[in-house]
């Protein structure tokens, strides 16, 4: 990123950013620019106010990511056509020799992870129902067939993570049962569906406005694989925020019905695999948050009795 992106801390820098933003044709009439700092994305994000138009989200990124961003706009346009609650892509292009920009419609509201705890349990469950229905709709987006199956791709990725896990200075205590559970059940992934994934679906990527689900954000990590794989974020993140939401997301995905044993088999396998990759990820990306991540991992292990139980305790006790 060019230097101006990292030194904004005053009204003068905000006016400087506004001057830069108005160079973008779609935003030439912008009146106000507000930086958005939440989230793990490396993109620089801004809410942009343009008179007589809806507010817009501006993402600025290195030009080397241009192809990925163009693909993301195609995905969002297709999802909008399918009726998915997500941003509308409004433009993508080059800002200067180092940076590109993407403009999206701005989803008004608040981060669901922040507002769910203040809602009644019934409201939390209702948001979960709608989120699950949106996720099911998202999974209908057509994708190209991969040269290798999901089973082969995911197995290779897991074994790479195991190698890196074994080299980590911090690992889970008494981890052999979990590693054995995964290795003994990798074949469950054979012949699984291999479709579109949001790949980061959890309350922090949902917007709630006036008590209703307003939309899903941050499709920049979209991937392809087994739809059940999307649900592992429930165990790691969503259940800490709202168990009623988490149960609702499952029920909403299955049109109000209980999932079958096959769902829980795959959920438990992907959850176990996620513990291994999470240990590696946190120490490589956010080492200062290692202790918090290890606490999440311990909670998941307790929920599944170290994967002697496929259905987590948070679901069986609260359902």
C-alpha atoms as a PDB file:
ATOM      1  CA  UNK A   1       0.000   0.000   0.000  1.00  0.00           C
ATOM      2  CA  UNK A   2       1.190   3.519  -0.663  1.00  0.00           C
ATOM      3  CA  UNK A   3       2.148   5.595   2.349  1.00  0.00           C
ATOM      4  CA  UNK A   4      -0.937   7.837   2.437  1.00  0.00           C
ATOM      5  CA  UNK A   5      -3.071   4.852   3.387  1.00  0.00           C
ATOM      6  CA  UNK A   6      -1.318   4.318   6.710  1.00  0.00           C
ATOM      7  CA  UNK A   7      -1.064   7.823   8.135  1.00  0.00           C
ATOM      8  CA  UNK A   8      -4.621   9.003   8.631  1.00  0.00           C
ATOM      9  CA  UNK A   9      -5.290  10.292  12.133  1.00  0.00           C
ATOM     10  CA  UNK A  10      -6.773  13.799  11.908  1.00  0.00           C
ATOM     11  CA  UNK A  11      -9.299  15.975  10.128  1.00  0.00           C
ATOM     12  CA  UNK A  12      -6.557  17.079   7.734  1.00  0.00           C
ATOM     13  CA  UNK A  13      -5.827  13.476   6.788  1.00  0.00           C
ATOM     14  CA  UNK A  14      -9.571  12.882   6.301  1.00  0.00           C
ATOM     15  CA  UNK A  15      -9.757  15.801   3.906  1.00  0.00           C
ATOM     16  CA  UNK A  16      -6.693  14.411   2.136  1.00  0.00           C
ATOM     17  CA  UNK A  17      -8.441  11.055   1.800  1.00  0.00           C
ATOM     18  CA  UNK A  18     -11.542  12.789   0.438  1.00  0.00           C
ATOM     19  CA  UNK A  19      -9.378  14.454  -2.206  1.00  0.00           C
ATOM     20  CA  UNK A  20      -8.037  11.043  -3.229  1.00  0.00           C
ATOM     21  CA  UNK A  21     -11.481   9.413  -3.236  1.00  0.00           C
ATOM     22  CA  UNK A  22     -12.967  12.066  -5.518  1.00  0.00           C
ATOM     23  CA  UNK A  23     -10.439  11.087  -8.193  1.00  0.00           C
ATOM     24  CA  UNK A  24     -12.488   7.910  -8.633  1.00  0.00           C
ATOM     25  CA  UNK A  25     -15.121   8.632 -11.314  1.00  0.00           C
ATOM     26  CA  UNK A  26     -17.984   6.933  -9.444  1.00  0.00           C
ATOM     27  CA  UNK A  27     -17.173   8.916  -6.282  1.00  0.00           C
ATOM     28  CA  UNK A  28     -16.278  12.325  -7.714  1.00  0.00           C
ATOM     29  CA  UNK A  29     -19.168  13.977  -5.816  1.00  0.00           C
ATOM     30  CA  UNK A  30     -18.316  12.405  -2.448  1.00  0.00           C
ATOM     31  CA  UNK A  31     -18.777  14.681   0.577  1.00  0.00           C
ATOM     32  CA  UNK A  32     -17.508  12.525   3.417  1.00  0.00           C
ATOM     33  CA  UNK A  33     -15.149   9.591   3.932  1.00  0.00           C
ATOM     34  CA  UNK A  34     -15.075   7.494   7.111  1.00  0.00           C
ATOM     35  CA  UNK A  35     -12.470   4.803   7.721  1.00  0.00           C
ATOM     36  CA  UNK A  36     -13.727   1.335   8.775  1.00  0.00           C
ATOM     37  CA  UNK A  37     -11.155  -0.380  10.948  1.00  0.00           C
ATOM     38  CA  UNK A  38     -12.894  -3.577  12.094  1.00  0.00           C
ATOM     39  CA  UNK A  39     -12.124  -6.993  10.622  1.00  0.00           C
ATOM     40  CA  UNK A  40      -9.015  -8.927   9.620  1.00  0.00           C
ATOM     41  CA  UNK A  41      -8.980  -7.980   5.943  1.00  0.00           C
ATOM     42  CA  UNK A  42      -5.799  -6.324   4.673  1.00  0.00           C
ATOM     43  CA  UNK A  43      -7.911  -4.061   2.436  1.00  0.00           C
ATOM     44  CA  UNK A  44      -8.365  -0.444   3.525  1.00  0.00           C
ATOM     45  CA  UNK A  45     -12.107   0.122   3.909  1.00  0.00           C
ATOM     46  CA  UNK A  46     -14.096   3.373   3.925  1.00  0.00           C
ATOM     47  CA  UNK A  47     -17.725   4.401   4.138  1.00  0.00           C
ATOM     48  CA  UNK A  48     -18.286   7.096   1.499  1.00  0.00           C
ATOM     49  CA  UNK A  49     -21.193   9.547   1.555  1.00  0.00           C
ATOM     50  CA  UNK A  50     -22.302  10.803  -1.861  1.00  0.00           C
ATOM     51  CA  UNK A  51     -25.215  13.299  -2.148  1.00  0.00           C
ATOM     52  CA  UNK A  52     -28.474  11.970  -3.589  1.00  0.00           C
ATOM     53  CA  UNK A  53     -27.092   8.427  -3.640  1.00  0.00           C
ATOM     54  CA  UNK A  54     -26.988   5.594  -1.154  1.00  0.00           C
ATOM     55  CA  UNK A  55     -23.834   5.349   0.921  1.00  0.00           C
ATOM     56  CA  UNK A  56     -21.028   3.305  -0.570  1.00  0.00           C
ATOM     57  CA  UNK A  57     -18.260   1.044   0.676  1.00  0.00           C
ATOM     58  CA  UNK A  58     -14.830   1.698  -0.817  1.00  0.00           C
ATOM     59  CA  UNK A  59     -12.127  -0.959  -0.557  1.00  0.00           C
ATOM     60  CA  UNK A  60      -8.563  -0.074  -1.566  1.00  0.00           C
ATOM     61  CA  UNK A  61      -6.138  -2.919  -2.199  1.00  0.00           C
ATOM     62  CA  UNK A  62      -2.773  -3.673  -3.864  1.00  0.00           C
ATOM     63  CA  UNK A  63      -2.973  -3.897  -7.651  1.00  0.00           C
ATOM     64  CA  UNK A  64      -1.667  -7.469  -7.493  1.00  0.00           C
ATOM     65  CA  UNK A  65      -5.115  -8.440  -6.113  1.00  0.00           C
ATOM     66  CA  UNK A  66      -6.998  -6.951  -9.072  1.00  0.00           C
ATOM     67  CA  UNK A  67      -7.978 -10.263 -10.684  1.00  0.00           C
ATOM     68  CA  UNK A  68      -9.342 -11.579  -7.377  1.00  0.00           C
ATOM     69  CA  UNK A  69     -11.341  -8.396  -6.835  1.00  0.00           C
ATOM     70  CA  UNK A  70     -12.837  -8.527 -10.308  1.00  0.00           C
ATOM     71  CA  UNK A  71     -13.863 -12.118  -9.629  1.00  0.00           C
ATOM     72  CA  UNK A  72     -15.420 -11.035  -6.326  1.00  0.00           C
ATOM     73  CA  UNK A  73     -17.549  -8.440  -8.126  1.00  0.00           C
ATOM     74  CA  UNK A  74     -18.757 -11.135 -10.544  1.00  0.00           C
ATOM     75  CA  UNK A  75     -19.681 -13.346  -7.574  1.00  0.00           C
ATOM     76  CA  UNK A  76     -21.576 -10.543  -5.822  1.00  0.00           C
ATOM     77  CA  UNK A  77     -23.461  -9.623  -8.993  1.00  0.00           C
ATOM     78  CA  UNK A  78     -24.511 -13.253  -9.472  1.00  0.00           C
ATOM     79  CA  UNK A  79     -25.574 -13.599  -5.836  1.00  0.00           C
ATOM     80  CA  UNK A  80     -27.630 -10.417  -6.043  1.00  0.00           C
ATOM     81  CA  UNK A  81     -29.438 -11.840  -9.078  1.00  0.00           C
ATOM     82  CA  UNK A  82     -30.223 -14.916  -6.977  1.00  0.00           C
ATOM     83  CA  UNK A  83     -31.801 -12.718  -4.316  1.00  0.00           C
ATOM     84  CA  UNK A  84     -29.026 -13.024  -1.729  1.00  0.00           C
ATOM     85  CA  UNK A  85     -28.839 -10.194   0.812  1.00  0.00           C
ATOM     86  CA  UNK A  86     -25.400  -8.814   0.000  1.00  0.00           C
ATOM     87  CA  UNK A  87     -23.762  -5.675  -1.380  1.00  0.00           C
ATOM     88  CA  UNK A  88     -24.185  -4.637  -5.005  1.00  0.00           C
ATOM     89  CA  UNK A  89     -20.882  -4.190  -6.879  1.00  0.00           C
ATOM     90  CA  UNK A  90     -20.710  -0.653  -8.299  1.00  0.00           C
ATOM     91  CA  UNK A  91     -17.214  -0.399  -9.713  1.00  0.00           C
ATOM     92  CA  UNK A  92     -13.670  -1.730  -9.739  1.00  0.00           C
ATOM     93  CA  UNK A  93     -10.548  -0.209 -11.212  1.00  0.00           C
ATOM     94  CA  UNK A  94      -7.065   1.196 -10.706  1.00  0.00           C
ATOM     95  CA  UNK A  95      -6.548   4.106  -8.311  1.00  0.00           C
ATOM     96  CA  UNK A  96      -2.852   4.634  -9.057  1.00  0.00           C
ATOM     97  CA  UNK A  97       0.166   2.562 -10.064  1.00  0.00           C
ATOM     98  CA  UNK A  98       0.137   0.643  -6.762  1.00  0.00           C
ATOM     99  CA  UNK A  99      -3.504   0.476  -5.684  1.00  0.00           C
ATOM    100  CA  UNK A 100      -6.836  -0.657  -6.988  1.00  0.00           C
ATOM    101  CA  UNK A 101     -10.320   0.154  -5.733  1.00  0.00           C
ATOM    102  CA  UNK A 102     -13.638  -1.633  -5.462  1.00  0.00           C
ATOM    103  CA  UNK A 103     -16.938   0.145  -4.755  1.00  0.00           C
ATOM    104  CA  UNK A 104     -19.903  -1.662  -3.221  1.00  0.00           C
ATOM    105  CA  UNK A 105     -23.267  -0.553  -1.927  1.00  0.00           C
ATOM    106  CA  UNK A 106     -23.007   0.034   1.822  1.00  0.00           C
ATOM    107  CA  UNK A 107     -25.162  -2.232   3.987  1.00  0.00           C
ATOM    108  CA  UNK A 108     -26.582  -0.011   6.720  1.00  0.00           C
ATOM    109  CA  UNK A 109     -26.707  -1.477  10.198  1.00  0.00           C
ATOM    110  CA  UNK A 110     -24.461  -2.999  12.826  1.00  0.00           C
ATOM    111  CA  UNK A 111     -22.148  -5.963  13.085  1.00  0.00           C
ATOM    112  CA  UNK A 112     -24.292  -8.901  14.254  1.00  0.00           C
ATOM    113  CA  UNK A 113     -21.591 -10.023  16.675  1.00  0.00           C
ATOM    114  CA  UNK A 114     -22.027  -6.723  18.519  1.00  0.00           C
ATOM    115  CA  UNK A 115     -25.826  -6.542  18.638  1.00  0.00           C
ATOM    116  CA  UNK A 116     -26.897 -10.174  19.117  1.00  0.00           C
ATOM    117  CA  UNK A 117     -26.040 -10.297  22.851  1.00  0.00           C
ATOM    118  CA  UNK A 118     -28.405  -7.375  23.530  1.00  0.00           C
ATOM    119  CA  UNK A 119     -31.350  -9.085  21.803  1.00  0.00           C
ATOM    120  CA  UNK A 120     -33.848 -11.508  23.299  1.00  0.00           C
ATOM    121  CA  UNK A 121     -33.118 -15.199  22.743  1.00  0.00           C
ATOM    122  CA  UNK A 122     -36.052 -15.400  20.322  1.00  0.00           C
ATOM    123  CA  UNK A 123     -34.655 -12.489  18.289  1.00  0.00           C
ATOM    124  CA  UNK A 124     -31.221 -14.089  18.245  1.00  0.00           C
ATOM    125  CA  UNK A 125     -32.739 -17.362  17.045  1.00  0.00           C
ATOM    126  CA  UNK A 126     -34.730 -15.508  14.379  1.00  0.00           C
ATOM    127  CA  UNK A 127     -31.596 -13.805  13.033  1.00  0.00           C
ATOM    128  CA  UNK A 128     -29.954 -17.237  12.946  1.00  0.00           C
ATOM    129  CA  UNK A 129     -32.876 -18.709  10.993  1.00  0.00           C
ATOM    130  CA  UNK A 130     -32.589 -15.986   8.355  1.00  0.00           C
ATOM    131  CA  UNK A 131     -28.804 -16.278   8.219  1.00  0.00           C
ATOM    132  CA  UNK A 132     -29.063 -20.029   7.670  1.00  0.00           C
ATOM    133  CA  UNK A 133     -31.563 -19.527   4.864  1.00  0.00           C
ATOM    134  CA  UNK A 134     -29.216 -16.985   3.236  1.00  0.00           C
ATOM    135  CA  UNK A 135     -26.304 -19.402   3.527  1.00  0.00           C
ATOM    136  CA  UNK A 136     -28.339 -22.152   1.876  1.00  0.00           C
ATOM    137  CA  UNK A 137     -29.173 -19.762  -0.974  1.00  0.00           C
ATOM    138  CA  UNK A 138     -25.507 -18.737  -1.310  1.00  0.00           C
ATOM    139  CA  UNK A 139     -24.534 -22.386  -1.714  1.00  0.00           C
ATOM    140  CA  UNK A 140     -26.592 -22.600  -4.912  1.00  0.00           C
ATOM    141  CA  UNK A 141     -24.162 -20.384  -6.825  1.00  0.00           C
ATOM    142  CA  UNK A 142     -22.751 -22.426  -9.701  1.00  0.00           C
ATOM    143  CA  UNK A 143     -19.025 -23.226  -9.714  1.00  0.00           C
ATOM    144  CA  UNK A 144     -16.685 -24.975 -12.114  1.00  0.00           C
ATOM    145  CA  UNK A 145     -15.727 -28.586 -11.491  1.00  0.00           C
ATOM    146  CA  UNK A 146     -12.281 -28.877  -9.945  1.00  0.00           C
ATOM    147  CA  UNK A 147      -9.560 -31.141 -11.337  1.00  0.00           C
ATOM    148  CA  UNK A 148      -9.225 -32.795  -7.924  1.00  0.00           C
ATOM    149  CA  UNK A 149     -12.093 -33.790  -5.647  1.00  0.00           C
ATOM    150  CA  UNK A 150     -12.885 -32.009  -2.395  1.00  0.00           C
ATOM    151  CA  UNK A 151     -11.654 -35.111  -0.548  1.00  0.00           C
ATOM    152  CA  UNK A 152      -8.228 -34.955  -2.193  1.00  0.00           C
ATOM    153  CA  UNK A 153      -7.866 -31.172  -1.876  1.00  0.00           C
ATOM    154  CA  UNK A 154      -8.946 -31.014   1.757  1.00  0.00           C
ATOM    155  CA  UNK A 155      -6.892 -34.076   2.782  1.00  0.00           C
ATOM    156  CA  UNK A 156      -3.735 -32.568   1.277  1.00  0.00           C
ATOM    157  CA  UNK A 157      -4.407 -29.231   2.955  1.00  0.00           C
ATOM    158  CA  UNK A 158      -4.987 -30.897   6.311  1.00  0.00           C
ATOM    159  CA  UNK A 159      -1.739 -32.849   6.136  1.00  0.00           C
ATOM    160  CA  UNK A 160       0.160 -29.670   5.330  1.00  0.00           C
ATOM    161  CA  UNK A 161      -1.388 -28.105   8.417  1.00  0.00           C
ATOM    162  CA  UNK A 162      -0.429 -31.121  10.532  1.00  0.00           C
ATOM    163  CA  UNK A 163       3.203 -30.737   9.443  1.00  0.00           C
ATOM    164  CA  UNK A 164       3.127 -27.050  10.389  1.00  0.00           C
ATOM    165  CA  UNK A 165       1.252 -27.809  13.604  1.00  0.00           C
ATOM    166  CA  UNK A 166       3.943 -30.240  14.697  1.00  0.00           C
ATOM    167  CA  UNK A 167       6.494 -27.443  14.304  1.00  0.00           C
ATOM    168  CA  UNK A 168       4.515 -24.928  16.397  1.00  0.00           C
ATOM    169  CA  UNK A 169       5.921 -23.806  19.759  1.00  0.00           C
ATOM    170  CA  UNK A 170       2.378 -23.919  21.228  1.00  0.00           C
ATOM    171  CA  UNK A 171       0.153 -26.961  20.624  1.00  0.00           C
ATOM    172  CA  UNK A 172      -2.923 -28.507  22.255  1.00  0.00           C
ATOM    173  CA  UNK A 173      -2.410 -30.671  25.316  1.00  0.00           C
ATOM    174  CA  UNK A 174      -3.195 -34.368  24.875  1.00  0.00           C
ATOM    175  CA  UNK A 175      -3.828 -33.838  21.170  1.00  0.00           C
ATOM    176  CA  UNK A 176      -3.236 -37.355  19.860  1.00  0.00           C
ATOM    177  CA  UNK A 177      -6.861 -38.449  20.176  1.00  0.00           C
ATOM    178  CA  UNK A 178      -7.952 -35.526  17.986  1.00  0.00           C
ATOM    179  CA  UNK A 179      -5.259 -36.199  15.392  1.00  0.00           C
ATOM    180  CA  UNK A 180      -6.242 -39.882  15.335  1.00  0.00           C
ATOM    181  CA  UNK A 181      -9.943 -39.053  15.040  1.00  0.00           C
ATOM    182  CA  UNK A 182      -9.264 -36.962  11.949  1.00  0.00           C
ATOM    183  CA  UNK A 183      -6.938 -39.475  10.307  1.00  0.00           C
ATOM    184  CA  UNK A 184      -9.356 -42.343  10.884  1.00  0.00           C
ATOM    185  CA  UNK A 185     -12.288 -40.484   9.335  1.00  0.00           C
ATOM    186  CA  UNK A 186     -10.840 -38.536   6.394  1.00  0.00           C
ATOM    187  CA  UNK A 187     -12.652 -40.913   4.045  1.00  0.00           C
ATOM    188  CA  UNK A 188     -15.951 -39.429   5.200  1.00  0.00           C
ATOM    189  CA  UNK A 189     -15.121 -36.614   2.776  1.00  0.00           C
ATOM    190  CA  UNK A 190     -15.237 -38.915  -0.251  1.00  0.00           C
ATOM    191  CA  UNK A 191     -18.084 -38.114  -2.649  1.00  0.00           C
ATOM    192  CA  UNK A 192     -19.135 -35.033  -0.666  1.00  0.00           C
ATOM    193  CA  UNK A 193     -20.694 -32.067  -2.548  1.00  0.00           C
ATOM    194  CA  UNK A 194     -18.172 -29.567  -3.895  1.00  0.00           C
ATOM    195  CA  UNK A 195     -19.913 -26.216  -4.189  1.00  0.00           C
ATOM    196  CA  UNK A 196     -19.499 -22.492  -3.606  1.00  0.00           C
ATOM    197  CA  UNK A 197     -18.518 -21.391  -0.086  1.00  0.00           C
ATOM    198  CA  UNK A 198     -18.532 -17.954   1.522  1.00  0.00           C
ATOM    199  CA  UNK A 199     -15.782 -19.504   3.704  1.00  0.00           C
ATOM    200  CA  UNK A 200     -16.013 -16.958   6.537  1.00  0.00           C
ATOM    201  CA  UNK A 201     -19.675 -17.099   7.514  1.00  0.00           C
ATOM    202  CA  UNK A 202     -20.195 -15.985  11.124  1.00  0.00           C
ATOM    203  CA  UNK A 203     -21.897 -13.089  12.974  1.00  0.00           C
ATOM    204  CA  UNK A 204     -19.018 -10.628  12.463  1.00  0.00           C
ATOM    205  CA  UNK A 205     -19.727 -10.867   8.723  1.00  0.00           C
ATOM    206  CA  UNK A 206     -23.463 -10.299   9.061  1.00  0.00           C
ATOM    207  CA  UNK A 207     -25.190  -6.924   9.283  1.00  0.00           C
ATOM    208  CA  UNK A 208     -28.293  -6.397  11.394  1.00  0.00           C
ATOM    209  CA  UNK A 209     -30.490  -3.321  10.963  1.00  0.00           C
ATOM    210  CA  UNK A 210     -33.510  -2.545  13.151  1.00  0.00           C
ATOM    211  CA  UNK A 211     -33.587  -6.083  14.494  1.00  0.00           C
ATOM    212  CA  UNK A 212     -33.534  -7.742  11.072  1.00  0.00           C
ATOM    213  CA  UNK A 213     -30.781  -9.397   9.044  1.00  0.00           C
ATOM    214  CA  UNK A 214     -29.722  -6.778   6.486  1.00  0.00           C
ATOM    215  CA  UNK A 215     -27.101  -8.803   4.648  1.00  0.00           C
ATOM    216  CA  UNK A 216     -23.917 -10.831   4.401  1.00  0.00           C
ATOM    217  CA  UNK A 217     -20.554  -9.115   3.872  1.00  0.00           C
ATOM    218  CA  UNK A 218     -16.906  -9.972   3.121  1.00  0.00           C
ATOM    219  CA  UNK A 219     -16.984 -12.472   0.284  1.00  0.00           C
ATOM    220  CA  UNK A 220     -13.281 -11.884  -0.388  1.00  0.00           C
ATOM    221  CA  UNK A 221     -12.343 -15.329   0.981  1.00  0.00           C
ATOM    222  CA  UNK A 222     -14.917 -17.227  -1.102  1.00  0.00           C
ATOM    223  CA  UNK A 223     -13.857 -20.772  -1.916  1.00  0.00           C
ATOM    224  CA  UNK A 224     -15.219 -24.122  -2.989  1.00  0.00           C
ATOM    225  CA  UNK A 225     -15.943 -27.296  -1.046  1.00  0.00           C
ATOM    226  CA  UNK A 226     -18.398 -29.211   1.109  1.00  0.00           C
ATOM    227  CA  UNK A 227     -21.264 -26.924   2.254  1.00  0.00           C
ATOM    228  CA  UNK A 228     -21.078 -28.394   5.784  1.00  0.00           C
ATOM    229  CA  UNK A 229     -17.573 -26.965   6.070  1.00  0.00           C
ATOM    230  CA  UNK A 230     -19.155 -23.489   6.385  1.00  0.00           C
ATOM    231  CA  UNK A 231     -20.579 -24.408   9.779  1.00  0.00           C
ATOM    232  CA  UNK A 232     -17.304 -24.857  11.642  1.00  0.00           C
ATOM    233  CA  UNK A 233     -17.276 -21.108  12.421  1.00  0.00           C
ATOM    234  CA  UNK A 234     -20.292 -21.770  14.656  1.00  0.00           C
ATOM    235  CA  UNK A 235     -18.229 -23.818  17.089  1.00  0.00           C
ATOM    236  CA  UNK A 236     -15.232 -21.508  17.114  1.00  0.00           C
ATOM    237  CA  UNK A 237     -16.881 -18.092  17.085  1.00  0.00           C
ATOM    238  CA  UNK A 238     -20.677 -17.871  16.909  1.00  0.00           C
ATOM    239  CA  UNK A 239     -21.509 -19.922  19.997  1.00  0.00           C
ATOM    240  CA  UNK A 240     -19.425 -17.549  22.127  1.00  0.00           C
ATOM    241  CA  UNK A 241     -21.685 -14.727  20.982  1.00  0.00           C
ATOM    242  CA  UNK A 242     -25.087 -16.423  20.804  1.00  0.00           C
ATOM    243  CA  UNK A 243     -26.104 -20.052  21.119  1.00  0.00           C
ATOM    244  CA  UNK A 244     -29.708 -19.273  20.029  1.00  0.00           C
ATOM    245  CA  UNK A 245     -28.311 -17.677  16.857  1.00  0.00           C
ATOM    246  CA  UNK A 246     -26.099 -20.710  16.212  1.00  0.00           C
ATOM    247  CA  UNK A 247     -28.970 -23.175  16.587  1.00  0.00           C
ATOM    248  CA  UNK A 248     -31.106 -20.922  14.394  1.00  0.00           C
ATOM    249  CA  UNK A 249     -28.490 -20.878  11.631  1.00  0.00           C
ATOM    250  CA  UNK A 250     -28.567 -24.674  11.480  1.00  0.00           C
ATOM    251  CA  UNK A 251     -32.365 -24.843  11.498  1.00  0.00           C
ATOM    252  CA  UNK A 252     -32.644 -22.054   8.923  1.00  0.00           C
ATOM    253  CA  UNK A 253     -30.265 -23.835   6.572  1.00  0.00           C
ATOM    254  CA  UNK A 254     -32.415 -26.961   6.744  1.00  0.00           C
ATOM    255  CA  UNK A 255     -35.700 -25.097   6.266  1.00  0.00           C
ATOM    256  CA  UNK A 256     -36.673 -25.383   9.912  1.00  0.00           C
ATOM    257  CA  UNK A 257     -35.815 -29.063  10.279  1.00  0.00           C
ATOM    258  CA  UNK A 258     -33.213 -30.931  12.316  1.00  0.00           C
ATOM    259  CA  UNK A 259     -30.027 -31.929  10.465  1.00  0.00           C
ATOM    260  CA  UNK A 260     -29.378 -35.636  10.015  1.00  0.00           C
ATOM    261  CA  UNK A 261     -26.537 -37.768  11.363  1.00  0.00           C
ATOM    262  CA  UNK A 262     -24.567 -37.214   8.154  1.00  0.00           C
ATOM    263  CA  UNK A 263     -24.408 -33.488   8.828  1.00  0.00           C
ATOM    264  CA  UNK A 264     -23.055 -34.007  12.348  1.00  0.00           C
ATOM    265  CA  UNK A 265     -20.463 -36.521  11.169  1.00  0.00           C
ATOM    266  CA  UNK A 266     -19.035 -34.006   8.707  1.00  0.00           C
ATOM    267  CA  UNK A 267     -19.398 -31.100  11.147  1.00  0.00           C
ATOM    268  CA  UNK A 268     -17.392 -32.912  13.816  1.00  0.00           C
ATOM    269  CA  UNK A 269     -14.660 -33.886  11.341  1.00  0.00           C
ATOM    270  CA  UNK A 270     -14.300 -30.348   9.982  1.00  0.00           C
ATOM    271  CA  UNK A 271     -14.415 -28.933  13.505  1.00  0.00           C
ATOM    272  CA  UNK A 272     -11.552 -31.188  14.590  1.00  0.00           C
ATOM    273  CA  UNK A 273      -9.535 -30.260  11.507  1.00  0.00           C
ATOM    274  CA  UNK A 274     -10.194 -26.583  12.206  1.00  0.00           C
ATOM    275  CA  UNK A 275      -8.586 -26.887  15.628  1.00  0.00           C
ATOM    276  CA  UNK A 276      -5.313 -27.980  14.043  1.00  0.00           C
ATOM    277  CA  UNK A 277      -5.353 -25.218  11.423  1.00  0.00           C
ATOM    278  CA  UNK A 278      -6.398 -22.590  14.006  1.00  0.00           C
ATOM    279  CA  UNK A 279      -3.346 -23.307  16.166  1.00  0.00           C
ATOM    280  CA  UNK A 280      -1.128 -22.764  13.123  1.00  0.00           C
ATOM    281  CA  UNK A 281      -3.033 -19.741  11.804  1.00  0.00           C
ATOM    282  CA  UNK A 282      -3.090 -17.752  15.037  1.00  0.00           C
ATOM    283  CA  UNK A 283       0.624 -18.178  15.662  1.00  0.00           C
ATOM    284  CA  UNK A 284       1.458 -17.085  12.135  1.00  0.00           C
ATOM    285  CA  UNK A 285      -1.035 -14.243  11.720  1.00  0.00           C
ATOM    286  CA  UNK A 286      -1.989 -12.969  15.191  1.00  0.00           C
ATOM    287  CA  UNK A 287       0.503 -14.475  17.673  1.00  0.00           C
ATOM    288  CA  UNK A 288      -0.522 -11.941  20.305  1.00  0.00           C
ATOM    289  CA  UNK A 289      -3.971 -13.612  20.335  1.00  0.00           C
ATOM    290  CA  UNK A 290      -2.676 -17.160  20.801  1.00  0.00           C
ATOM    291  CA  UNK A 291      -3.970 -17.455  24.367  1.00  0.00           C
ATOM    292  CA  UNK A 292      -7.501 -16.406  23.352  1.00  0.00           C
ATOM    293  CA  UNK A 293      -7.507 -18.882  20.467  1.00  0.00           C
ATOM    294  CA  UNK A 294      -6.323 -21.733  22.693  1.00  0.00           C
ATOM    295  CA  UNK A 295      -9.231 -20.951  25.033  1.00  0.00           C
ATOM    296  CA  UNK A 296     -11.670 -21.213  22.112  1.00  0.00           C
ATOM    297  CA  UNK A 297     -10.092 -24.521  21.119  1.00  0.00           C
ATOM    298  CA  UNK A 298     -10.418 -25.876  24.654  1.00  0.00           C
ATOM    299  CA  UNK A 299     -14.104 -24.900  24.674  1.00  0.00           C
ATOM    300  CA  UNK A 300     -14.702 -26.780  21.404  1.00  0.00           C
ATOM    301  CA  UNK A 301     -12.906 -29.841  22.763  1.00  0.00           C
ATOM    302  CA  UNK A 302     -15.169 -29.800  25.824  1.00  0.00           C
ATOM    303  CA  UNK A 303     -18.270 -29.361  23.653  1.00  0.00           C
ATOM    304  CA  UNK A 304     -17.377 -32.531  21.737  1.00  0.00           C
ATOM    305  CA  UNK A 305     -15.772 -34.486  24.602  1.00  0.00           C
ATOM    306  CA  UNK A 306     -12.594 -34.544  22.488  1.00  0.00           C
ATOM    307  CA  UNK A 307     -14.703 -35.744  19.533  1.00  0.00           C
ATOM    308  CA  UNK A 308     -16.123 -38.753  21.245  1.00  0.00           C
ATOM    309  CA  UNK A 309     -19.398 -36.944  20.548  1.00  0.00           C
ATOM    310  CA  UNK A 310     -20.256 -35.751  17.039  1.00  0.00           C
ATOM    311  CA  UNK A 311     -23.017 -33.379  18.220  1.00  0.00           C
ATOM    312  CA  UNK A 312     -21.649 -30.538  20.369  1.00  0.00           C
ATOM    313  CA  UNK A 313     -22.941 -29.987  23.880  1.00  0.00           C
ATOM    314  CA  UNK A 314     -24.054 -26.417  23.084  1.00  0.00           C
ATOM    315  CA  UNK A 315     -26.597 -27.890  20.639  1.00  0.00           C
ATOM    316  CA  UNK A 316     -27.868 -30.873  22.626  1.00  0.00           C
ATOM    317  CA  UNK A 317     -28.256 -28.985  25.915  1.00  0.00           C
ATOM    318  CA  UNK A 318     -29.909 -25.846  24.504  1.00  0.00           C
ATOM    319  CA  UNK A 319     -32.025 -27.201  21.670  1.00  0.00           C
END
